[in-house]
Amino acid sequence: MGDKRARTVEVTVVSQQGTCAAGHTVGETFVIPGDTERFQTPGICIHALITMLPKVLALRYGAGFPWAKEGAVTHACPDAQNPCVFRLRALD
């Protein structure tokens, strides 16, 4: 069996249009540690975080996405009026 330790996931803002209610800006980066079951990521919008959790959990445990480029996937926040797009990638 493979290694089941959770990997750390890096979340980076790659696009932001309009006015983000959480104040996110392009280039901003958050780290979700793999060594904890808690998702205490100060500063990241809770609405974006909740919607990206399925991808974060998949990346933490080694899942791949066929459309991923260089192991990274993108995720758009749920605010259609002020869209913010994040890049998610697992760190080795």
Protein backbone atom coordinates (compact mmCIF):
# COMPACT_ATOMS: atom_id res chain seq x y z
CA MET A 1 0.00 0.00 0.00
CA GLY A 2 1.06 3.57 -0.65
CA ASP A 3 1.84 6.29 1.81
CA LYS A 4 -1.41 7.57 3.38
CA ARG A 5 -0.01 10.70 5.00
CA ALA A 6 -1.85 13.82 4.01
CA ARG A 7 0.05 16.28 1.87
CA THR A 8 0.07 20.02 2.38
CA VAL A 9 -1.99 21.93 -0.17
CA GLU A 10 -1.04 25.37 -1.41
CA VAL A 11 -3.86 27.69 -2.49
CA THR A 12 -2.97 30.73 -4.60
CA VAL A 13 -5.23 33.46 -5.97
CA VAL A 14 -4.62 33.54 -9.74
CA SER A 15 -7.47 35.80 -10.85
CA GLN A 16 -9.84 38.24 -9.18
CA GLN A 17 -12.43 40.50 -10.79
CA GLY A 18 -14.63 43.10 -9.18
CA THR A 19 -14.43 43.61 -5.44
CA CYS A 20 -13.80 40.49 -3.38
CA ALA A 21 -15.70 40.70 -0.07
CA ALA A 22 -12.81 38.88 1.63
CA GLY A 23 -10.25 41.22 0.08
CA HIS A 24 -8.36 38.54 -1.87
CA THR A 25 -5.80 39.77 -4.39
CA VAL A 26 -3.88 38.03 -7.17
CA GLY A 27 -0.74 36.35 -5.84
CA GLU A 28 -2.06 35.85 -2.32
CA THR A 29 -1.16 32.35 -1.06
CA PHE A 30 -2.55 30.16 1.71
CA VAL A 31 -1.21 26.86 3.00
CA ILE A 32 -3.44 24.07 4.27
CA PRO A 33 -1.12 21.84 6.31
CA GLY A 34 -1.22 18.11 5.72
CA ASP A 35 -0.25 17.31 9.30
CA THR A 36 -3.57 18.33 10.81
CA GLU A 37 -7.20 17.42 10.31
CA ARG A 38 -8.24 20.98 11.03
CA PHE A 39 -8.62 23.49 8.26
CA GLN A 40 -7.55 26.55 10.17
CA THR A 41 -6.50 28.77 7.32
CA PRO A 42 -6.73 32.35 8.57
CA GLY A 43 -7.60 34.90 5.95
CA ILE A 44 -9.15 32.70 3.30
CA CYS A 45 -12.80 33.32 2.48
CA ILE A 46 -14.92 30.70 4.23
CA HIS A 47 -17.27 30.46 1.23
CA ALA A 48 -14.41 29.75 -1.17
CA LEU A 49 -12.80 27.30 1.28
CA ILE A 50 -15.98 25.31 1.82
CA THR A 51 -16.57 24.91 -1.90
CA MET A 52 -12.96 23.90 -2.64
CA LEU A 53 -12.73 21.28 0.15
CA PRO A 54 -13.51 18.29 -2.12
CA LYS A 55 -10.55 19.20 -4.34
CA VAL A 56 -8.32 19.97 -1.35
CA LEU A 57 -9.08 16.61 0.26
CA ALA A 58 -8.50 14.78 -3.01
CA LEU A 59 -5.12 16.48 -3.47
CA ARG A 60 -4.13 15.84 0.16
CA TYR A 61 -4.45 12.11 -0.35
CA GLY A 62 -2.84 11.80 -3.76
CA ALA A 63 -5.76 11.96 -6.18
CA GLY A 64 -5.07 13.24 -9.65
CA PHE A 65 -7.27 15.15 -12.02
CA PRO A 66 -6.97 14.34 -15.75
CA TRP A 67 -7.24 18.02 -16.67
CA ALA A 68 -4.65 19.19 -14.13
CA LYS A 69 -1.59 20.93 -15.49
CA GLU A 70 1.59 20.34 -13.53
CA GLY A 71 -0.47 18.78 -10.74
CA ALA A 72 -2.47 21.95 -10.10
CA VAL A 73 -6.20 22.51 -10.46
CA THR A 74 -8.18 25.72 -10.45
CA HIS A 75 -11.24 26.52 -8.40
CA ALA A 76 -13.61 29.47 -8.74
CA CYS A 77 -15.27 30.97 -5.70
CA PRO A 78 -19.08 30.97 -5.62
CA ASP A 79 -19.39 34.78 -5.97
CA ALA A 80 -20.38 35.14 -9.63
CA GLN A 81 -20.47 38.95 -9.40
CA ASN A 82 -16.86 39.23 -8.13
CA PRO A 83 -15.17 36.01 -9.21
CA CYS A 84 -11.96 34.92 -7.58
CA VAL A 85 -10.07 31.95 -9.02
CA PHE A 86 -7.66 29.89 -6.97
CA ARG A 87 -4.92 27.44 -8.02
CA LEU A 88 -4.67 24.39 -5.75
CA ARG A 89 -1.65 22.11 -5.70
CA ALA A 90 -0.31 19.51 -3.34
CA LEU A 91 3.21 20.03 -2.07
CA ASP A 92 5.57 17.08 -1.77
